[in-house]
PDB file of N, CA and C in Angstrom:
ATOM      1  N   MET A   1     -39.781 -61.175   5.048  1.00  0.00           N
ATOM      2  CA  MET A   1     -39.041 -59.708   4.902  1.00  0.00           C
ATOM      3  C   MET A   1     -39.329 -59.865   3.269  1.00  0.00           C
ATOM      4  N   GLN A   2     -39.306 -58.995   2.828  1.00  0.00           N
ATOM      5  CA  GLN A   2     -39.753 -58.685   1.145  1.00  0.00           C
ATOM      6  C   GLN A   2     -38.621 -58.577   0.328  1.00  0.00           C
ATOM      7  N   LEU A   3     -38.387 -58.911  -0.375  1.00  0.00           N
ATOM      8  CA  LEU A   3     -36.776 -58.732  -1.307  1.00  0.00           C
ATOM      9  C   LEU A   3     -37.204 -58.668  -2.906  1.00  0.00           C
ATOM     10  N   ASP A   4     -36.837 -57.747  -3.152  1.00  0.00           N
ATOM     11  CA  ASP A   4     -36.743 -57.473  -4.725  1.00  0.00           C
ATOM     12  C   ASP A   4     -35.389 -58.156  -5.543  1.00  0.00           C
ATOM     13  N   ILE A   5     -35.896 -58.866  -6.237  1.00  0.00           N
ATOM     14  CA  ILE A   5     -34.791 -59.596  -7.191  1.00  0.00           C
ATOM     15  C   ILE A   5     -35.632 -59.601  -8.119  1.00  0.00           C
ATOM     16  N   ASP A   6     -34.306 -58.913  -9.253  1.00  0.00           N
ATOM     17  CA  ASP A   6     -34.805 -58.469 -10.667  1.00  0.00           C
ATOM     18  C   ASP A   6     -36.224 -57.817 -10.810  1.00  0.00           C
ATOM     19  N   GLY A   7     -36.432 -57.434 -10.312  1.00  0.00           N
ATOM     20  CA  GLY A   7     -37.549 -56.120 -10.169  1.00  0.00           C
ATOM     21  C   GLY A   7     -39.038 -57.153  -9.613  1.00  0.00           C
ATOM     22  N   ILE A   8     -38.710 -58.532  -9.141  1.00  0.00           N
ATOM     23  CA  ILE A   8     -40.068 -59.295  -8.570  1.00  0.00           C
ATOM     24  C   ILE A   8     -40.120 -59.294  -7.034  1.00  0.00           C
ATOM     25  N   GLU A   9     -40.884 -59.094  -6.043  1.00  0.00           N
ATOM     26  CA  GLU A   9     -40.700 -58.774  -4.912  1.00  0.00           C
ATOM     27  C   GLU A   9     -41.342 -60.030  -4.382  1.00  0.00           C
ATOM     28  N   TYR A  10     -40.662 -60.865  -3.378  1.00  0.00           N
ATOM     29  CA  TYR A  10     -40.760 -62.017  -2.891  1.00  0.00           C
ATOM     30  C   TYR A  10     -40.941 -61.455  -1.255  1.00  0.00           C
ATOM     31  N   ASN A  11     -41.991 -62.295  -0.710  1.00  0.00           N
ATOM     32  CA  ASN A  11     -41.702 -62.480   0.912  1.00  0.00           C
ATOM     33  C   ASN A  11     -41.381 -63.471   1.490  1.00  0.00           C
ATOM     34  N   THR A  12     -40.431 -63.598   2.247  1.00  0.00           N
ATOM     35  CA  THR A  12     -39.417 -64.505   2.649  1.00  0.00           C
ATOM     36  C   THR A  12     -40.337 -65.709   4.018  1.00  0.00           C
ATOM     37  N   ASN A  13     -41.383 -64.954   4.480  1.00  0.00           N
ATOM     38  CA  ASN A  13     -42.055 -65.505   5.432  1.00  0.00           C
ATOM     39  C   ASN A  13     -43.155 -66.982   4.317  1.00  0.00           C
ATOM     40  N   GLU A  14     -43.435 -66.129   3.030  1.00  0.00           N
ATOM     41  CA  GLU A  14     -43.811 -67.371   1.883  1.00  0.00           C
ATOM     42  C   GLU A  14     -43.169 -68.320   1.004  1.00  0.00           C
ATOM     43  N   TYR A  15     -41.689 -68.876   2.169  1.00  0.00           N
ATOM     44  CA  TYR A  15     -40.745 -69.296   1.280  1.00  0.00           C
ATOM     45  C   TYR A  15     -41.326 -70.427   0.711  1.00  0.00           C
ATOM     46  N   ASP A  16     -41.732 -71.435   1.485  1.00  0.00           N
ATOM     47  CA  ASP A  16     -41.864 -72.616   1.421  1.00  0.00           C
ATOM     48  C   ASP A  16     -42.947 -73.115   0.209  1.00  0.00           C
ATOM     49  N   ALA A  17     -43.670 -71.567   0.231  1.00  0.00           N
ATOM     50  CA  ALA A  17     -44.851 -71.581  -1.447  1.00  0.00           C
ATOM     51  C   ALA A  17     -44.203 -71.961  -2.702  1.00  0.00           C
ATOM     52  N   TYR A  18     -43.482 -71.060  -2.619  1.00  0.00           N
ATOM     53  CA  TYR A  18     -42.457 -71.216  -4.198  1.00  0.00           C
ATOM     54  C   TYR A  18     -41.862 -72.259  -4.598  1.00  0.00           C
ATOM     55  N   ASN A  19     -41.485 -72.467  -5.940  1.00  0.00           N
ATOM     56  CA  ASN A  19     -40.907 -73.523  -6.670  1.00  0.00           C
ATOM     57  C   ASN A  19     -39.597 -73.169  -6.071  1.00  0.00           C
ATOM     58  N   VAL A  20     -38.693 -74.722  -6.635  1.00  0.00           N
ATOM     59  CA  VAL A  20     -37.747 -74.789  -6.165  1.00  0.00           C
ATOM     60  C   VAL A  20     -36.731 -73.471  -7.181  1.00  0.00           C
ATOM     61  N   TYR A  21     -36.774 -73.538  -8.211  1.00  0.00           N
ATOM     62  CA  TYR A  21     -35.916 -71.745  -8.965  1.00  0.00           C
ATOM     63  C   TYR A  21     -36.454 -70.813  -7.743  1.00  0.00           C
ATOM     64  N   THR A  22     -37.263 -70.531  -7.686  1.00  0.00           N
ATOM     65  CA  THR A  22     -37.702 -69.268  -6.848  1.00  0.00           C
ATOM     66  C   THR A  22     -36.893 -69.245  -5.347  1.00  0.00           C
ATOM     67  N   GLN A  23     -37.110 -69.993  -4.947  1.00  0.00           N
ATOM     68  CA  GLN A  23     -36.534 -70.762  -3.432  1.00  0.00           C
ATOM     69  C   GLN A  23     -34.894 -70.726  -3.778  1.00  0.00           C
ATOM     70  N   ASN A  24     -34.055 -71.285  -4.392  1.00  0.00           N
ATOM     71  CA  ASN A  24     -33.004 -71.161  -4.646  1.00  0.00           C
ATOM     72  C   ASN A  24     -32.656 -69.541  -5.019  1.00  0.00           C
ATOM     73  N   LYS A  25     -33.079 -69.205  -5.615  1.00  0.00           N
ATOM     74  CA  LYS A  25     -32.795 -67.267  -5.659  1.00  0.00           C
ATOM     75  C   LYS A  25     -32.947 -66.415  -4.433  1.00  0.00           C
ATOM     76  N   ILE A  26     -34.039 -67.055  -3.615  1.00  0.00           N
ATOM     77  CA  ILE A  26     -34.219 -66.205  -2.378  1.00  0.00           C
ATOM     78  C   ILE A  26     -33.170 -66.758  -1.655  1.00  0.00           C
ATOM     79  N   ARG A  27     -32.864 -68.125  -1.045  1.00  0.00           N
ATOM     80  CA  ARG A  27     -32.236 -68.697  -0.473  1.00  0.00           C
ATOM     81  C   ARG A  27     -30.360 -67.767  -0.739  1.00  0.00           C
ATOM     82  N   SER A  28     -30.050 -67.645  -2.189  1.00  0.00           N
ATOM     83  CA  SER A  28     -29.088 -67.030  -2.479  1.00  0.00           C
ATOM     84  C   SER A  28     -28.549 -65.458  -2.188  1.00  0.00           C
ATOM     85  N   THR A  29     -29.935 -64.703  -2.391  1.00  0.00           N
ATOM     86  CA  THR A  29     -29.766 -63.119  -2.080  1.00  0.00           C
ATOM     87  C   THR A  29     -29.696 -63.118  -0.869  1.00  0.00           C
ATOM     88  N   VAL A  30     -30.265 -63.436  -0.060  1.00  0.00           N
ATOM     89  CA  VAL A  30     -30.017 -63.961   1.465  1.00  0.00           C
ATOM     90  C   VAL A  30     -28.957 -64.377   1.846  1.00  0.00           C
ATOM     91  N   TYR A  31     -28.323 -65.307   1.579  1.00  0.00           N
ATOM     92  CA  TYR A  31     -27.270 -65.870   1.847  1.00  0.00           C
ATOM     93  C   TYR A  31     -25.646 -64.783   0.978  1.00  0.00           C
ATOM     94  N   GLN A  32     -26.218 -63.771   0.449  1.00  0.00           N
ATOM     95  CA  GLN A  32     -25.151 -62.758   0.405  1.00  0.00           C
ATOM     96  C   GLN A  32     -24.990 -62.129   0.604  1.00  0.00           C
ATOM     97  N   GLY A  33     -26.190 -61.868   1.274  1.00  0.00           N
ATOM     98  CA  GLY A  33     -26.258 -60.148   2.622  1.00  0.00           C
ATOM     99  C   GLY A  33     -25.514 -61.135   3.627  1.00  0.00           C
ATOM    100  N   TYR A  34     -25.927 -62.186   4.157  1.00  0.00           N
ATOM    101  CA  TYR A  34     -25.531 -62.949   5.412  1.00  0.00           C
ATOM    102  C   TYR A  34     -23.689 -63.000   5.158  1.00  0.00           C
ATOM    103  N   LYS A  35     -23.339 -63.292   4.140  1.00  0.00           N
ATOM    104  CA  LYS A  35     -22.231 -63.534   3.913  1.00  0.00           C
ATOM    105  C   LYS A  35     -21.313 -61.738   3.879  1.00  0.00           C
ATOM    106  N   ALA A  36     -22.130 -61.226   3.225  1.00  0.00           N
ATOM    107  CA  ALA A  36     -21.504 -59.676   2.987  1.00  0.00           C
ATOM    108  C   ALA A  36     -21.463 -59.019   4.884  1.00  0.00           C
ATOM    109  N   MET A  37     -22.512 -59.411   5.688  1.00  0.00           N
ATOM    110  CA  MET A  37     -22.207 -58.927   6.661  1.00  0.00           C
ATOM    111  C   MET A  37     -20.600 -59.515   7.541  1.00  0.00           C
ATOM    112  N   ARG A  38     -20.741 -60.777   7.537  1.00  0.00           N
ATOM    113  CA  ARG A  38     -19.944 -61.549   8.052  1.00  0.00           C
ATOM    114  C   ARG A  38     -18.098 -61.701   7.741  1.00  0.00           C
ATOM    115  N   ASN A  39     -18.032 -60.983   6.484  1.00  0.00           N
ATOM    116  CA  ASN A  39     -16.730 -60.288   5.612  1.00  0.00           C
ATOM    117  C   ASN A  39     -16.629 -58.923   6.808  1.00  0.00           C
ATOM    118  N   VAL A  40     -17.711 -57.939   7.069  1.00  0.00           N
ATOM    119  CA  VAL A  40     -17.934 -56.904   7.506  1.00  0.00           C
ATOM    120  C   VAL A  40     -17.304 -57.230   8.955  1.00  0.00           C
ATOM    121  N   ILE A  41     -17.628 -58.195   9.727  1.00  0.00           N
ATOM    122  CA  ILE A  41     -17.407 -58.540  11.179  1.00  0.00           C
ATOM    123  C   ILE A  41     -16.093 -58.804  11.391  1.00  0.00           C
ATOM    124  N   MET A  42     -15.385 -60.064  10.195  1.00  0.00           N
ATOM    125  CA  MET A  42     -14.451 -60.634  11.012  1.00  0.00           C
ATOM    126  C   MET A  42     -12.886 -59.918  11.051  1.00  0.00           C
ATOM    127  N   ASP A  43     -12.966 -60.437  11.902  1.00  0.00           N
ATOM    128  CA  ASP A  43     -11.380 -59.805  11.922  1.00  0.00           C
ATOM    129  C   ASP A  43      -9.906 -60.798  10.818  1.00  0.00           C
ATOM    130  N   ASN A  44     -10.089 -61.640  11.324  1.00  0.00           N
ATOM    131  CA  ASN A  44      -9.517 -62.493  10.323  1.00  0.00           C
ATOM    132  C   ASN A  44     -10.349 -63.421   9.270  1.00  0.00           C
ATOM    133  N   LYS A  45      -9.977 -63.246   7.847  1.00  0.00           N
ATOM    134  CA  LYS A  45     -10.558 -64.062   6.573  1.00  0.00           C
ATOM    135  C   LYS A  45     -10.729 -65.371   6.877  1.00  0.00           C
ATOM    136  N   CYS A  46      -9.898 -66.252   7.776  1.00  0.00           N
ATOM    137  CA  CYS A  46      -9.842 -67.408   7.720  1.00  0.00           C
ATOM    138  C   CYS A  46     -10.151 -67.875   8.941  1.00  0.00           C
ATOM    139  N   GLN A  47     -11.082 -67.179   9.851  1.00  0.00           N
ATOM    140  CA  GLN A  47     -11.879 -68.042  10.438  1.00  0.00           C
ATOM    141  C   GLN A  47     -12.978 -68.524  10.122  1.00  0.00           C
ATOM    142  N   GLY A  48     -13.350 -69.527  10.402  1.00  0.00           N
ATOM    143  CA  GLY A  48     -14.587 -70.137  10.261  1.00  0.00           C
ATOM    144  C   GLY A  48     -15.541 -70.080  11.359  1.00  0.00           C
ATOM    145  N   LEU A  49     -15.885 -68.902  11.106  1.00  0.00           N
ATOM    146  CA  LEU A  49     -16.937 -68.156  12.285  1.00  0.00           C
ATOM    147  C   LEU A  49     -18.590 -69.108  11.596  1.00  0.00           C
ATOM    148  N   LYS A  50     -19.226 -69.287  12.853  1.00  0.00           N
ATOM    149  CA  LYS A  50     -20.427 -70.346  12.509  1.00  0.00           C
ATOM    150  C   LYS A  50     -21.307 -69.193  12.851  1.00  0.00           C
ATOM    151  N   LEU A  51     -22.891 -69.751  12.530  1.00  0.00           N
ATOM    152  CA  LEU A  51     -23.682 -69.086  12.262  1.00  0.00           C
ATOM    153  C   LEU A  51     -24.174 -67.876  13.996  1.00  0.00           C
ATOM    154  N   ASN A  52     -23.883 -68.810  14.617  1.00  0.00           N
ATOM    155  CA  ASN A  52     -24.202 -67.959  16.201  1.00  0.00           C
ATOM    156  C   ASN A  52     -23.196 -67.522  16.457  1.00  0.00           C
ATOM    157  N   GLU A  53     -22.055 -67.489  15.960  1.00  0.00           N
ATOM    158  CA  GLU A  53     -20.872 -66.534  16.366  1.00  0.00           C
ATOM    159  C   GLU A  53     -20.623 -65.152  15.392  1.00  0.00           C
ATOM    160  N   VAL A  54     -21.112 -65.303  14.256  1.00  0.00           N
ATOM    161  CA  VAL A  54     -21.467 -64.438  13.383  1.00  0.00           C
ATOM    162  C   VAL A  54     -22.410 -63.235  13.857  1.00  0.00           C
ATOM    163  N   LYS A  55     -23.693 -63.861  14.557  1.00  0.00           N
ATOM    164  CA  LYS A  55     -25.095 -63.324  14.815  1.00  0.00           C
ATOM    165  C   LYS A  55     -24.499 -62.490  16.519  1.00  0.00           C
ATOM    166  N   LEU A  56     -23.434 -63.032  17.275  1.00  0.00           N
ATOM    167  CA  LEU A  56     -23.174 -62.396  18.308  1.00  0.00           C
ATOM    168  C   LEU A  56     -22.705 -61.329  18.135  1.00  0.00           C
ATOM    169  N   LYS A  57     -21.377 -61.383  17.060  1.00  0.00           N
ATOM    170  CA  LYS A  57     -20.365 -60.127  16.765  1.00  0.00           C
ATOM    171  C   LYS A  57     -20.737 -59.055  16.106  1.00  0.00           C
ATOM    172  N   VAL A  58     -22.475 -59.281  15.141  1.00  0.00           N
ATOM    173  CA  VAL A  58     -23.107 -58.354  14.648  1.00  0.00           C
ATOM    174  C   VAL A  58     -23.781 -57.554  15.785  1.00  0.00           C
ATOM    175  N   ASN A  59     -24.541 -58.166  16.220  1.00  0.00           N
ATOM    176  CA  ASN A  59     -25.802 -57.881  17.417  1.00  0.00           C
ATOM    177  C   ASN A  59     -24.440 -56.667  18.211  1.00  0.00           C
ATOM    178  N   ALA A  60     -23.148 -56.849  18.634  1.00  0.00           N
ATOM    179  CA  ALA A  60     -22.323 -56.645  19.548  1.00  0.00           C
ATOM    180  C   ALA A  60     -21.939 -55.295  18.601  1.00  0.00           C
ATOM    181  N   ASP A  61     -21.788 -55.402  17.214  1.00  0.00           N
ATOM    182  CA  ASP A  61     -21.348 -54.291  16.624  1.00  0.00           C
ATOM    183  C   ASP A  61     -22.485 -53.291  15.067  1.00  0.00           C
ATOM    184  N   ARG A  62     -23.484 -53.351  15.424  1.00  0.00           N
ATOM    185  CA  ARG A  62     -24.112 -52.950  14.093  1.00  0.00           C
ATOM    186  C   ARG A  62     -23.499 -52.049  13.741  1.00  0.00           C
ATOM    187  N   GLU A  63     -23.611 -50.995  14.241  1.00  0.00           N
ATOM    188  CA  GLU A  63     -23.252 -49.855  13.575  1.00  0.00           C
ATOM    189  C   GLU A  63     -22.043 -50.038  12.702  1.00  0.00           C
ATOM    190  N   LYS A  64     -20.806 -50.802  12.682  1.00  0.00           N
ATOM    191  CA  LYS A  64     -20.190 -51.413  12.009  1.00  0.00           C
ATOM    192  C   LYS A  64     -20.827 -51.942  10.353  1.00  0.00           C
ATOM    193  N   ILE A  65     -21.608 -52.789  10.883  1.00  0.00           N
ATOM    194  CA  ILE A  65     -22.696 -52.740   9.550  1.00  0.00           C
ATOM    195  C   ILE A  65     -23.000 -52.052   8.547  1.00  0.00           C
ATOM    196  N   LYS A  66     -24.081 -51.154   9.351  1.00  0.00           N
ATOM    197  CA  LYS A  66     -24.673 -49.931   8.915  1.00  0.00           C
ATOM    198  C   LYS A  66     -23.995 -49.165   8.542  1.00  0.00           C
ATOM    199  N   LYS A  67     -22.467 -48.857   8.900  1.00  0.00           N
ATOM    200  CA  LYS A  67     -21.633 -47.813   8.267  1.00  0.00           C
ATOM    201  C   LYS A  67     -21.290 -48.542   6.681  1.00  0.00           C
ATOM    202  N   TYR A  68     -21.085 -49.730   6.465  1.00  0.00           N
ATOM    203  CA  TYR A  68     -20.746 -50.247   5.391  1.00  0.00           C
ATOM    204  C   TYR A  68     -21.500 -51.026   4.739  1.00  0.00           C
ATOM    205  N   LEU A  69     -22.969 -51.671   5.026  1.00  0.00           N
ATOM    206  CA  LEU A  69     -23.817 -52.056   3.801  1.00  0.00           C
ATOM    207  C   LEU A  69     -24.936 -51.295   4.154  1.00  0.00           C
ATOM    208  N   PRO A  70     -26.096 -51.453   2.941  1.00  0.00           N
ATOM    209  CA  PRO A  70     -27.309 -50.431   3.681  1.00  0.00           C
ATOM    210  C   PRO A  70     -28.338 -51.486   4.303  1.00  0.00           C
ATOM    211  N   PHE A  71     -27.877 -51.859   4.973  1.00  0.00           N
ATOM    212  CA  PHE A  71     -29.249 -52.764   6.326  1.00  0.00           C
ATOM    213  C   PHE A  71     -29.235 -52.057   7.216  1.00  0.00           C
ATOM    214  N   ASP A  72     -30.545 -52.095   7.304  1.00  0.00           N
ATOM    215  CA  ASP A  72     -31.095 -51.772   9.028  1.00  0.00           C
ATOM    216  C   ASP A  72     -31.442 -52.990  10.106  1.00  0.00           C
ATOM    217  N   ASP A  73     -31.532 -52.196  11.053  1.00  0.00           N
ATOM    218  CA  ASP A  73     -32.010 -53.443  12.166  1.00  0.00           C
ATOM    219  C   ASP A  73     -32.658 -54.095  11.973  1.00  0.00           C
ATOM    220  N   GLU A  74     -33.933 -53.888  10.977  1.00  0.00           N
ATOM    221  CA  GLU A  74     -35.097 -55.071  10.964  1.00  0.00           C
ATOM    222  C   GLU A  74     -34.505 -55.770   9.516  1.00  0.00           C
ATOM    223  N   GLU A  75     -33.611 -55.437   8.897  1.00  0.00           N
ATOM    224  CA  GLU A  75     -33.339 -56.369   8.096  1.00  0.00           C
ATOM    225  C   GLU A  75     -32.167 -57.444   8.496  1.00  0.00           C
ATOM    226  N   ILE A  76     -31.617 -56.898   9.299  1.00  0.00           N
ATOM    227  CA  ILE A  76     -30.187 -57.629   9.506  1.00  0.00           C
ATOM    228  C   ILE A  76     -31.125 -58.759  10.992  1.00  0.00           C
ATOM    229  N   ASN A  77     -32.144 -58.923  11.161  1.00  0.00           N
ATOM    230  CA  ASN A  77     -32.867 -59.792  12.179  1.00  0.00           C
ATOM    231  C   ASN A  77     -33.380 -60.738  11.167  1.00  0.00           C
ATOM    232  N   SER A  78     -33.744 -59.857  10.151  1.00  0.00           N
ATOM    233  CA  SER A  78     -34.721 -60.920   9.054  1.00  0.00           C
ATOM    234  C   SER A  78     -33.753 -61.960   8.169  1.00  0.00           C
ATOM    235  N   ILE A  79     -32.490 -61.055   8.203  1.00  0.00           N
ATOM    236  CA  ILE A  79     -31.612 -62.606   7.598  1.00  0.00           C
ATOM    237  C   ILE A  79     -31.349 -63.502   8.448  1.00  0.00           C
ATOM    238  N   PHE A  80     -30.717 -62.972   9.930  1.00  0.00           N
ATOM    239  CA  PHE A  80     -30.780 -64.194  10.650  1.00  0.00           C
ATOM    240  C   PHE A  80     -31.990 -64.998  11.095  1.00  0.00           C
ATOM    241  N   ILE A  81     -32.886 -64.488  11.014  1.00  0.00           N
ATOM    242  CA  ILE A  81     -34.178 -65.313  11.241  1.00  0.00           C
ATOM    243  C   ILE A  81     -34.153 -66.437   9.980  1.00  0.00           C
ATOM    244  N   PHE A  82     -34.146 -66.262   9.121  1.00  0.00           N
ATOM    245  CA  PHE A  82     -34.412 -66.775   7.662  1.00  0.00           C
ATOM    246  C   PHE A  82     -32.968 -67.659   7.502  1.00  0.00           C
ATOM    247  N   MET A  83     -32.094 -67.449   7.922  1.00  0.00           N
ATOM    248  CA  MET A  83     -30.422 -68.402   7.988  1.00  0.00           C
ATOM    249  C   MET A  83     -30.599 -69.068   8.903  1.00  0.00           C
ATOM    250  N   GLU A  84     -31.076 -69.093   9.798  1.00  0.00           N
ATOM    251  CA  GLU A  84     -31.161 -70.240  11.060  1.00  0.00           C
ATOM    252  C   GLU A  84     -32.469 -70.995  10.735  1.00  0.00           C
ATOM    253  N   LYS A  85     -33.714 -70.301   9.630  1.00  0.00           N
ATOM    254  CA  LYS A  85     -34.730 -71.621   9.396  1.00  0.00           C
ATOM    255  C   LYS A  85     -34.153 -72.267   7.957  1.00  0.00           C
ATOM    256  N   VAL A  86     -33.237 -72.058   6.959  1.00  0.00           N
ATOM    257  CA  VAL A  86     -33.528 -72.555   5.875  1.00  0.00           C
ATOM    258  C   VAL A  86     -31.587 -72.812   5.813  1.00  0.00           C
ATOM    259  N   PHE A  87     -30.661 -72.581   6.647  1.00  0.00           N
ATOM    260  CA  PHE A  87     -29.457 -73.083   6.985  1.00  0.00           C
ATOM    261  C   PHE A  87     -28.864 -73.286   8.706  1.00  0.00           C
ATOM    262  N   PRO A  88     -29.735 -73.969   8.922  1.00  0.00           N
ATOM    263  CA  PRO A  88     -29.764 -74.568  10.478  1.00  0.00           C
ATOM    264  C   PRO A  88     -28.205 -74.756  10.790  1.00  0.00           C
ATOM    265  N   ARG A  89     -27.192 -75.983   9.765  1.00  0.00           N
ATOM    266  CA  ARG A  89     -25.988 -76.458  10.470  1.00  0.00           C
ATOM    267  C   ARG A  89     -24.516 -75.425   9.819  1.00  0.00           C
ATOM    268  N   LEU A  90     -25.565 -74.248   9.488  1.00  0.00           N
ATOM    269  CA  LEU A  90     -24.250 -73.531   9.102  1.00  0.00           C
ATOM    270  C   LEU A  90     -23.648 -73.046  10.231  1.00  0.00           C
TER     271      LEU A  90
END
């Protein structure tokens, strides 16, 4: 997935090749996107949903995500792939 952060394009497939500072920027940006999706699909903000539970709910109601967030199907899938790779215990 291509990310544009502060006018610079980064590729999440090359995540390991970047320095720690750049990795943190990429990780933070993708996590913000994940958190935004999680907040849209959560019924109760006190629920402590795990990554797999969020993924199931998002896949069940992608139209709701697309209605409130500027993500398409490819971006949603890329966010979950990256999150599973970088945050496996989330």
